[in-house]
Protein backbone atom coordinates (compact mmCIF):
# COMPACT_ATOMS: atom_id res chain seq x y z
CA MET A 1 24.91 -37.84 210.96
CA TYR A 2 23.95 -33.79 210.13
CA HIS A 3 21.51 -34.30 213.02
CA ASP A 4 23.79 -35.26 215.65
CA VAL A 5 26.51 -32.85 214.68
CA GLY A 6 24.42 -29.75 215.25
CA LEU A 7 23.59 -28.60 211.20
CA LEU A 8 19.29 -29.01 211.95
CA HIS A 9 19.22 -27.72 215.60
CA PRO A 10 21.97 -26.17 217.31
CA PHE A 11 21.44 -29.20 220.39
CA PRO A 12 20.23 -31.83 218.55
CA SER A 13 19.65 -33.83 221.43
CA LYS A 14 17.77 -31.17 222.83
CA VAL A 15 14.84 -31.16 220.15
CA TYR A 16 11.33 -33.17 220.96
CA THR A 17 9.13 -31.76 217.95
CA GLU A 18 9.11 -32.01 214.70
CA GLY A 19 8.13 -28.09 215.08
CA GLN A 20 12.06 -27.36 216.49
CA LEU A 21 13.41 -28.90 213.30
CA ALA A 22 11.16 -25.76 211.50
CA HIS A 23 11.86 -23.42 213.30
CA ALA A 24 15.33 -24.17 213.70
CA SER A 25 15.79 -23.90 209.80
CA SER A 26 16.59 -19.69 209.24
CA PHE A 27 19.22 -17.86 211.45
CA TRP A 28 17.08 -16.39 213.35
CA GLY A 29 15.58 -19.00 214.53
CA TYR A 30 19.00 -20.66 214.94
CA LEU A 31 19.21 -18.14 217.07
CA GLY A 32 16.58 -18.28 219.02
CA GLU A 33 16.17 -22.23 219.36
CA GLY A 34 19.43 -22.04 221.05
CA ARG A 35 18.46 -18.50 223.17
CA SER A 36 15.55 -20.96 224.57
CA VAL A 37 17.61 -24.36 225.02
CA LEU A 38 20.41 -22.21 226.65
CA ALA A 39 17.69 -20.06 229.40
CA ALA A 40 15.94 -23.54 230.56
CA ARG A 41 19.60 -24.94 231.34
CA HIS A 42 19.78 -21.50 233.45
CA ARG A 43 23.51 -20.51 231.12
CA LEU A 44 24.05 -17.61 231.00
CA LEU A 45 21.95 -16.27 227.54
CA THR A 46 25.26 -13.31 226.58
CA PRO A 47 28.26 -15.89 226.05
CA GLY A 48 25.58 -18.66 224.79
CA ILE A 49 24.34 -16.72 221.99
CA VAL A 50 27.45 -16.38 220.42
CA ILE A 51 28.73 -19.26 221.30
CA VAL A 52 25.53 -20.18 219.69
CA PHE A 53 26.10 -18.43 216.30
CA GLY A 54 29.79 -19.42 215.97
CA LYS A 55 28.06 -23.05 215.97
CA TRP A 56 25.74 -22.06 213.09
CA LEU A 57 28.81 -20.10 211.61
CA TYR A 58 30.68 -23.51 211.41
CA SER A 59 27.70 -25.42 210.23
CA LYS A 60 27.23 -23.75 207.06
CA LEU A 61 30.85 -24.75 206.39
CA ILE A 62 30.24 -28.14 206.66
CA ARG A 63 27.15 -27.10 204.20
CA PHE A 64 29.29 -26.08 201.44
CA LEU A 65 31.39 -28.69 201.85
CA LEU A 66 29.65 -31.71 202.02
CA ARG A 67 27.38 -29.85 199.12
CA LYS A 68 30.51 -29.90 196.61
CA VAL A 69 32.36 -32.73 197.50
CA ALA A 70 28.86 -35.42 198.69
CA ASP A 71 26.93 -37.42 196.26
CA LEU A 72 25.19 -39.06 198.30
CA HIS A 73 23.59 -38.33 201.61
CA LEU A 74 22.07 -41.49 203.62
CA VAL A 75 19.66 -39.99 205.92
CA PRO A 76 18.33 -41.91 209.56
CA SER A 77 15.08 -41.03 209.40
CA ASP A 78 12.20 -40.24 206.35
CA TYR A 79 10.83 -37.22 208.56
CA LEU A 80 14.22 -35.13 208.10
CA ILE A 81 14.03 -35.35 204.30
CA PRO A 82 12.93 -31.78 203.85
CA TYR A 83 14.08 -30.41 205.95
CA LEU A 84 17.79 -31.71 204.64
CA GLN A 85 16.95 -30.34 201.37
CA GLN A 86 16.18 -27.55 202.24
CA GLN A 87 19.39 -26.76 203.60
CA MET A 88 21.76 -28.68 200.63
């Protein structure tokens, strides 16, 4: 699913509120959400942010490819529909 592979948030297992998805819908918000999770884990922020940036680029590529080849997008939860409509 889209959320599980990180298309909507850099760390999908750390999403606890819908506001986190709204914040991560922009480039800077995506990086900010990644930074907040990394800071909570007490990891080095600089290498982590580079990895989150790479994940953002990867998710952009996946979205581009999905727009080209997928006719139907199945969504597991109703609350994800607005976020996927915005991104797809």
